[in-house]
Protein backbone atom coordinates (compact mmCIF):
# COMPACT_ATOMS: atom_id res chain seq x y z
CA UNK A 1 68.69 148.49 127.64
CA UNK A 2 66.72 145.35 126.75
CA UNK A 3 68.72 142.28 125.53
CA UNK A 4 66.98 142.33 122.23
CA UNK A 5 68.12 145.92 121.55
CA UNK A 6 71.73 144.90 122.42
CA UNK A 7 71.55 142.08 119.92
CA UNK A 8 70.22 144.36 117.18
CA UNK A 9 73.03 146.88 117.87
CA UNK A 10 75.80 144.35 118.27
CA UNK A 11 74.77 141.27 116.29
CA UNK A 12 78.11 139.56 116.74
CA UNK A 13 77.46 139.41 120.53
CA UNK A 14 74.41 137.27 119.98
CA UNK A 15 76.19 134.57 117.99
CA UNK A 16 78.14 131.82 119.73
CA UNK A 17 81.28 130.37 118.13
CA UNK A 18 80.32 127.80 115.61
CA UNK A 19 81.47 124.23 115.55
CA UNK A 20 83.77 123.10 112.75
CA UNK A 21 81.88 122.02 109.61
CA UNK A 22 81.27 118.32 109.37
CA UNK A 23 83.95 116.23 107.76
CA UNK A 24 83.15 115.01 104.28
CA UNK A 25 84.41 111.48 104.82
CA UNK A 26 83.77 108.81 107.49
CA UNK A 27 85.83 108.28 110.62
CA UNK A 28 87.32 104.92 109.67
CA UNK A 29 89.25 106.05 106.59
CA UNK A 30 90.51 109.11 108.59
CA UNK A 31 91.64 106.95 111.42
CA UNK A 32 93.50 104.71 108.96
CA UNK A 33 95.18 107.72 107.35
CA UNK A 34 96.00 109.10 110.80
CA UNK A 35 97.58 105.85 111.84
CA UNK A 36 99.52 105.52 108.64
CA UNK A 37 100.96 109.03 108.92
CA UNK A 38 101.80 108.59 112.57
CA UNK A 39 103.56 105.24 112.04
CA UNK A 40 105.44 106.42 108.97
CA UNK A 41 106.55 109.60 110.67
CA UNK A 42 107.54 107.62 113.78
CA UNK A 43 109.60 105.18 111.78
CA UNK A 44 111.36 107.93 109.83
CA UNK A 45 112.26 109.85 112.99
CA UNK A 46 113.60 106.85 114.90
CA UNK A 47 115.64 105.67 111.93
CA UNK A 48 117.26 109.10 111.80
CA UNK A 49 117.71 109.12 115.54
CA UNK A 50 119.45 105.76 115.49
CA UNK A 51 121.56 106.80 112.48
CA UNK A 52 122.80 109.92 114.26
CA UNK A 53 123.67 108.06 117.49
CA UNK A 54 125.51 105.25 115.68
CA UNK A 55 126.95 107.39 112.85
CA UNK A 56 125.53 104.91 110.35
CA UNK A 57 122.83 104.69 107.66
CA UNK A 58 121.88 108.00 106.20
CA UNK A 59 124.13 109.84 108.67
CA UNK A 60 127.14 108.64 106.57
CA UNK A 61 126.00 111.00 103.87
CA UNK A 62 125.68 114.09 106.08
CA UNK A 63 129.15 115.51 105.45
CA UNK A 64 129.01 114.64 101.70
CA UNK A 65 125.68 116.43 101.19
CA UNK A 66 126.79 119.39 103.28
CA UNK A 67 129.95 119.82 101.30
CA UNK A 68 128.25 119.40 97.96
CA UNK A 69 125.70 122.15 98.77
CA UNK A 70 128.33 124.54 100.09
CA UNK A 71 130.32 124.10 96.89
CA UNK A 72 127.28 124.68 94.66
CA UNK A 73 126.11 128.01 96.15
CA UNK A 74 125.07 130.89 93.97
CA UNK A 75 123.96 134.44 94.63
CA UNK A 76 120.43 133.93 93.34
CA UNK A 77 119.82 130.68 95.25
CA UNK A 78 121.32 132.21 98.40
CA UNK A 79 119.00 135.24 98.28
CA UNK A 80 115.93 133.10 97.69
CA UNK A 81 116.66 130.45 100.27
CA UNK A 82 117.77 133.03 102.84
CA UNK A 83 114.34 134.70 102.51
CA UNK A 84 112.59 131.33 102.88
CA UNK A 85 114.55 130.46 105.98
CA UNK A 86 113.96 133.89 107.58
CA UNK A 87 110.17 133.77 107.10
CA UNK A 88 109.91 130.17 108.30
CA UNK A 89 111.91 130.46 111.55
CA UNK A 90 110.24 128.73 114.52
CA UNK A 91 109.37 132.12 116.05
CA UNK A 92 107.96 133.47 112.78
CA UNK A 93 105.90 130.36 112.00
CA UNK A 94 104.47 130.29 115.51
CA UNK A 95 103.51 134.03 115.20
CA UNK A 96 102.01 133.42 111.74
CA UNK A 97 100.01 130.48 113.09
CA UNK A 98 98.74 132.51 116.05
CA UNK A 99 97.64 135.42 113.87
CA UNK A 100 95.97 133.10 111.41
CA UNK A 101 94.22 131.10 114.17
CA UNK A 102 93.06 134.32 115.82
CA UNK A 103 91.69 135.74 112.58
CA UNK A 104 90.06 132.43 111.73
CA UNK A 105 88.33 132.27 115.15
CA UNK A 106 87.08 135.84 114.97
CA UNK A 107 85.98 135.92 111.30
CA UNK A 108 84.56 132.35 111.11
CA UNK A 109 83.39 132.34 114.72
CA UNK A 110 84.92 128.84 115.04
CA UNK A 111 87.29 127.70 117.73
CA UNK A 112 87.97 124.02 117.01
CA UNK A 113 90.11 124.08 113.85
CA UNK A 114 92.20 127.13 114.91
CA UNK A 115 92.82 125.34 118.18
CA UNK A 116 94.02 122.17 116.38
CA UNK A 117 96.37 124.26 114.25
CA UNK A 118 97.87 126.07 117.24
CA UNK A 119 98.05 122.82 119.18
CA UNK A 120 100.22 121.41 116.43
CA UNK A 121 102.48 124.46 116.41
CA UNK A 122 102.97 124.37 120.15
CA UNK A 123 103.73 120.67 120.04
CA UNK A 124 106.37 121.38 117.39
CA UNK A 125 108.17 123.83 119.68
CA UNK A 126 108.02 121.38 122.68
CA UNK A 127 109.21 118.40 120.63
CA UNK A 128 112.01 120.40 119.02
CA UNK A 129 113.26 121.78 122.31
CA UNK A 130 113.16 118.47 124.19
CA UNK A 131 114.83 116.44 121.43
CA UNK A 132 117.52 119.00 120.76
CA UNK A 133 118.71 118.91 124.38
CA UNK A 134 118.34 115.15 124.60
CA UNK A 135 120.48 114.53 121.43
CA UNK A 136 122.79 117.55 121.86
CA UNK A 137 124.10 117.34 118.34
CA UNK A 138 126.41 120.07 117.02
CA UNK A 139 125.66 121.96 113.90
CA UNK A 140 127.90 121.91 110.78
CA UNK A 141 130.97 124.19 110.82
CA UNK A 142 130.01 127.79 111.65
CA UNK A 143 132.25 129.00 108.83
CA UNK A 144 129.67 127.61 106.41
CA UNK A 145 126.74 129.55 107.95
CA UNK A 146 125.32 132.10 105.54
CA UNK A 147 123.04 134.05 107.91
CA UNK A 148 125.24 134.72 110.80
CA UNK A 149 126.09 132.74 113.97
CA UNK A 150 123.68 130.28 115.52
CA UNK A 151 124.70 128.44 118.67
CA UNK A 152 121.53 126.33 118.90
CA UNK A 153 121.76 122.52 118.67
CA UNK A 154 121.26 120.78 115.31
CA UNK A 155 118.93 117.78 115.69
CA UNK A 156 116.19 118.09 114.63
CA UNK A 157 115.56 121.24 112.45
CA UNK A 158 113.10 123.58 114.04
CA UNK A 159 112.49 125.42 110.79
CA UNK A 160 111.56 122.19 108.98
CA UNK A 161 109.44 120.80 111.77
CA UNK A 162 107.43 124.03 112.32
CA UNK A 163 106.92 124.65 108.62
CA UNK A 164 105.98 121.08 107.94
CA UNK A 165 103.36 120.86 110.74
CA UNK A 166 101.94 124.28 109.78
CA UNK A 167 101.57 123.40 106.09
CA UNK A 168 100.31 119.85 106.49
CA UNK A 169 97.88 120.42 109.40
CA UNK A 170 96.49 123.57 107.86
CA UNK A 171 95.96 121.78 104.55
CA UNK A 172 94.14 118.92 106.22
CA UNK A 173 91.90 121.26 108.24
CA UNK A 174 90.90 123.13 105.08
CA UNK A 175 90.45 120.34 102.51
CA UNK A 176 88.82 117.84 104.86
CA UNK A 177 85.67 120.05 104.90
CA UNK A 178 85.31 121.11 101.29
CA UNK A 179 86.80 120.84 97.84
CA UNK A 180 87.32 118.13 95.26
CA UNK A 181 89.79 115.23 95.37
CA UNK A 182 91.89 116.99 92.78
CA UNK A 183 91.97 120.17 94.93
CA UNK A 184 92.97 118.11 97.97
CA UNK A 185 95.74 116.33 96.09
CA UNK A 186 97.18 119.60 94.75
CA UNK A 187 96.93 121.18 98.19
CA UNK A 188 98.85 118.34 99.86
CA UNK A 189 101.46 118.34 97.14
CA UNK A 190 101.89 122.06 97.65
CA UNK A 191 102.22 121.60 101.43
CA UNK A 192 104.78 118.88 100.96
CA UNK A 193 106.82 120.93 98.51
CA UNK A 194 106.80 123.87 100.91
CA UNK A 195 108.11 121.69 103.71
CA UNK A 196 110.80 120.26 101.43
CA UNK A 197 111.80 123.79 100.31
CA UNK A 198 112.27 124.91 103.89
CA UNK A 199 114.27 121.70 104.61
CA UNK A 200 116.51 122.28 101.63
CA UNK A 201 117.05 125.93 102.65
CA UNK A 202 118.42 124.81 106.01
CA UNK A 203 120.84 122.40 104.28
CA UNK A 204 121.89 124.93 101.66
CA UNK A 205 122.47 127.74 104.17
CA UNK A 206 124.75 125.43 106.16
CA UNK A 207 122.82 125.19 109.46
CA UNK A 208 121.77 121.53 109.41
CA UNK A 209 122.82 118.05 108.45
CA UNK A 210 120.68 115.88 106.07
CA UNK A 211 119.52 113.66 108.95
CA UNK A 212 118.34 116.68 110.90
CA UNK A 213 115.83 117.75 108.29
CA UNK A 214 114.70 114.21 107.43
CA UNK A 215 114.00 113.55 111.10
CA UNK A 216 111.95 116.79 111.24
CA UNK A 217 109.91 115.76 108.23
CA UNK A 218 109.16 112.48 110.00
CA UNK A 219 108.06 114.29 113.12
CA UNK A 220 105.84 116.60 111.02
CA UNK A 221 104.08 113.59 109.51
CA UNK A 222 103.62 112.11 112.94
CA UNK A 223 102.10 115.26 114.41
CA UNK A 224 99.90 115.66 111.34
CA UNK A 225 98.63 112.12 111.86
CA UNK A 226 97.88 113.01 115.53
CA UNK A 227 95.96 116.11 114.40
CA UNK A 228 93.86 114.08 111.91
CA UNK A 229 93.06 111.51 114.59
CA UNK A 230 91.99 114.15 117.17
CA UNK A 231 89.91 116.03 114.62
CA UNK A 232 88.25 112.93 113.25
CA UNK A 233 87.45 111.65 116.72
CA UNK A 234 85.60 114.90 117.39
CA UNK A 235 84.00 115.68 114.06
CA UNK A 236 84.25 112.59 111.94
CA UNK A 237 80.97 111.01 110.80
CA UNK A 238 80.74 107.30 111.66
CA UNK A 239 77.61 106.57 109.59
CA UNK A 240 77.64 105.07 106.10
CA UNK A 241 75.68 107.84 104.41
CA UNK A 242 78.14 110.70 104.63
CA UNK A 243 79.06 112.66 101.63
CA UNK A 244 82.46 111.87 100.14
CA UNK A 245 84.60 114.41 98.32
CA UNK A 246 83.47 115.17 94.80
CA UNK A 247 85.50 113.94 91.87
């Protein structure tokens, strides 16, 4: 059968995966934002790392915050936060990211942005695994766990790290190509609130110390900064005549 007939019968076979749409801002601002996120996240993480090792700084509040949350539990909050924590487990978030990336690649015929998202999720798993074994910090008392036993190490929080990277990187990949400044601000606020909700759920349910989740939020910012840098380096527009986001 001629190639032309194949293309008419199966049009999807004749279309190559498309490159990601051009960014709507120039490379330099994106590089600055990427650097700011990476440095801020790095500082937050290392401050928490030092606090945990020396039992100083924010680590002095770990037990106090844990006890306060255990004492303030309610049936409604427990049900809500248990659902949040279950849906945002590292395994669940990686699976959700993989399904979303696969659907994105197939439906949009685009490989770059799904690859950046999955790269961030894989990096989250690697960082969390390596750091947990390096620090080897114990979790809070198992008698305070609300979702059953968990013998994994405590620092950092895998739930918080995976959810934070997923929400922030996905938001960047979406709003950097389209939308207004207002939409972008609201999207980033929503992503940040989602990450904070997951972090709070891990504290409330008794599986992590305060410094665990703060360190994970720092790592999430750092990985997001890295994703922004990589994406801008490939698709950012260096010229002065690019279109900026609409007001």
